[in-house]
């Protein structure tokens, strides 16, 4: 079996005008972190997966806890595509959790 490391990126824009909406935002963000996502930018989270099936499964899990209002989007990219991301201002995070260097496939 061949593994192709990929990234699942979650983008969201959620309303936060009322107390209930702010609570939904906090719960959604907390669940993303519990699923192993890392924030790479405000409202942009990413997680490494080993193949497309794992990515699709993870997308379904996120869809299951997405709040009822707002926009939540998902994008699956290969590690090569993710590594080719260009930075116009700022730079890449040196956080080891955001690299595939520690990815172990058992």
Protein backbone atom coordinates (compact mmCIF):
# COMPACT_ATOMS: atom_id res chain seq x y z
CA UNK A 1 0.00 0.00 0.00
CA UNK A 2 1.37 3.39 -0.98
CA UNK A 3 0.72 6.43 1.16
CA UNK A 4 0.48 9.92 -0.23
CA UNK A 5 0.68 12.52 2.50
CA UNK A 6 -1.93 15.22 2.05
CA UNK A 7 -3.26 18.25 3.87
CA UNK A 8 -6.86 19.02 4.77
CA UNK A 9 -7.41 22.75 4.99
CA UNK A 10 -10.50 24.18 6.67
CA UNK A 11 -11.52 27.77 5.99
CA UNK A 12 -14.39 29.37 7.86
CA UNK A 13 -16.22 32.63 8.32
CA UNK A 14 -18.68 32.39 11.18
CA UNK A 15 -20.99 35.06 12.57
CA UNK A 16 -20.10 36.26 16.09
CA UNK A 17 -22.68 38.97 16.75
CA UNK A 18 -24.73 37.21 19.43
CA UNK A 19 -23.67 35.23 22.50
CA UNK A 20 -24.98 32.01 20.91
CA UNK A 21 -22.98 32.64 17.73
CA UNK A 22 -19.80 33.31 19.73
CA UNK A 23 -20.38 30.07 21.63
CA UNK A 24 -20.80 28.15 18.34
CA UNK A 25 -17.54 29.70 17.10
CA UNK A 26 -15.64 28.68 20.25
CA UNK A 27 -17.02 25.13 20.16
CA UNK A 28 -16.18 24.73 16.46
CA UNK A 29 -12.63 26.02 16.93
CA UNK A 30 -12.10 23.79 19.98
CA UNK A 31 -13.29 20.71 18.07
CA UNK A 32 -10.93 21.52 15.19
CA UNK A 33 -8.03 21.61 17.65
CA UNK A 34 -9.20 18.33 19.24
CA UNK A 35 -9.15 16.75 15.75
CA UNK A 36 -5.50 17.73 15.41
CA UNK A 37 -5.84 20.82 13.23
CA UNK A 38 -3.36 23.68 13.57
CA UNK A 39 -4.17 27.31 12.94
CA UNK A 40 -2.01 28.66 10.11
CA UNK A 41 -3.93 31.90 9.80
CA UNK A 42 -7.01 33.35 11.44
CA UNK A 43 -9.95 31.14 10.37
CA UNK A 44 -7.62 28.82 8.38
CA UNK A 45 -6.71 25.47 9.92
CA UNK A 46 -4.71 22.59 8.49
CA UNK A 47 -4.04 18.94 9.32
CA UNK A 48 -1.79 16.30 7.77
CA UNK A 49 -3.37 12.99 6.69
CA UNK A 50 -1.85 9.91 5.06
CA UNK A 51 -4.16 9.48 2.06
CA UNK A 52 -7.28 10.74 0.30
CA UNK A 53 -9.58 8.31 2.14
CA UNK A 54 -8.39 9.69 5.49
CA UNK A 55 -8.89 13.20 4.17
CA UNK A 56 -12.48 12.48 3.11
CA UNK A 57 -13.20 10.84 6.45
CA UNK A 58 -11.84 13.89 8.27
CA UNK A 59 -13.95 16.20 6.10
CA UNK A 60 -17.06 14.27 7.09
CA UNK A 61 -16.14 14.56 10.78
CA UNK A 62 -15.73 18.33 10.45
CA UNK A 63 -19.02 18.58 8.56
CA UNK A 64 -20.65 16.77 11.48
CA UNK A 65 -19.73 19.46 13.99
CA UNK A 66 -19.84 22.54 11.74
CA UNK A 67 -22.13 25.27 13.12
CA UNK A 68 -25.54 25.81 11.50
CA UNK A 69 -24.76 29.33 10.22
CA UNK A 70 -21.78 30.85 8.44
CA UNK A 71 -19.41 29.41 5.86
CA UNK A 72 -17.14 26.41 6.41
CA UNK A 73 -15.06 25.17 3.48
CA UNK A 74 -12.60 22.34 3.00
CA UNK A 75 -9.74 21.87 0.55
CA UNK A 76 -7.56 18.78 0.17
CA UNK A 77 -4.09 19.35 -1.27
CA UNK A 78 -1.04 17.13 -1.66
CA UNK A 79 2.02 17.82 0.43
CA UNK A 80 3.85 18.96 -2.70
CA UNK A 81 1.11 21.49 -3.48
CA UNK A 82 1.10 22.71 0.13
CA UNK A 83 4.90 23.08 0.11
CA UNK A 84 4.70 25.25 -3.00
CA UNK A 85 2.66 27.88 -1.14
CA UNK A 86 4.12 31.34 -1.72
CA UNK A 87 4.47 33.95 1.01
CA UNK A 88 4.23 37.57 -0.05
CA UNK A 89 4.45 38.99 3.45
CA UNK A 90 5.63 37.09 6.51
CA UNK A 91 6.99 33.57 6.36
CA UNK A 92 6.37 29.93 6.99
CA UNK A 93 5.86 28.77 10.56
CA UNK A 94 8.73 26.75 12.00
CA UNK A 95 6.33 24.73 14.16
CA UNK A 96 7.33 21.07 13.75
CA UNK A 97 3.66 20.07 14.06
CA UNK A 98 3.08 21.80 10.71
CA UNK A 99 5.56 19.61 8.83
CA UNK A 100 5.49 16.04 7.64
CA UNK A 101 8.89 15.36 9.22
CA UNK A 102 7.26 13.62 12.20
CA UNK A 103 4.61 11.74 10.20
CA UNK A 104 4.83 8.02 10.91
CA UNK A 105 2.74 5.57 8.89
CA UNK A 106 2.15 2.29 10.68
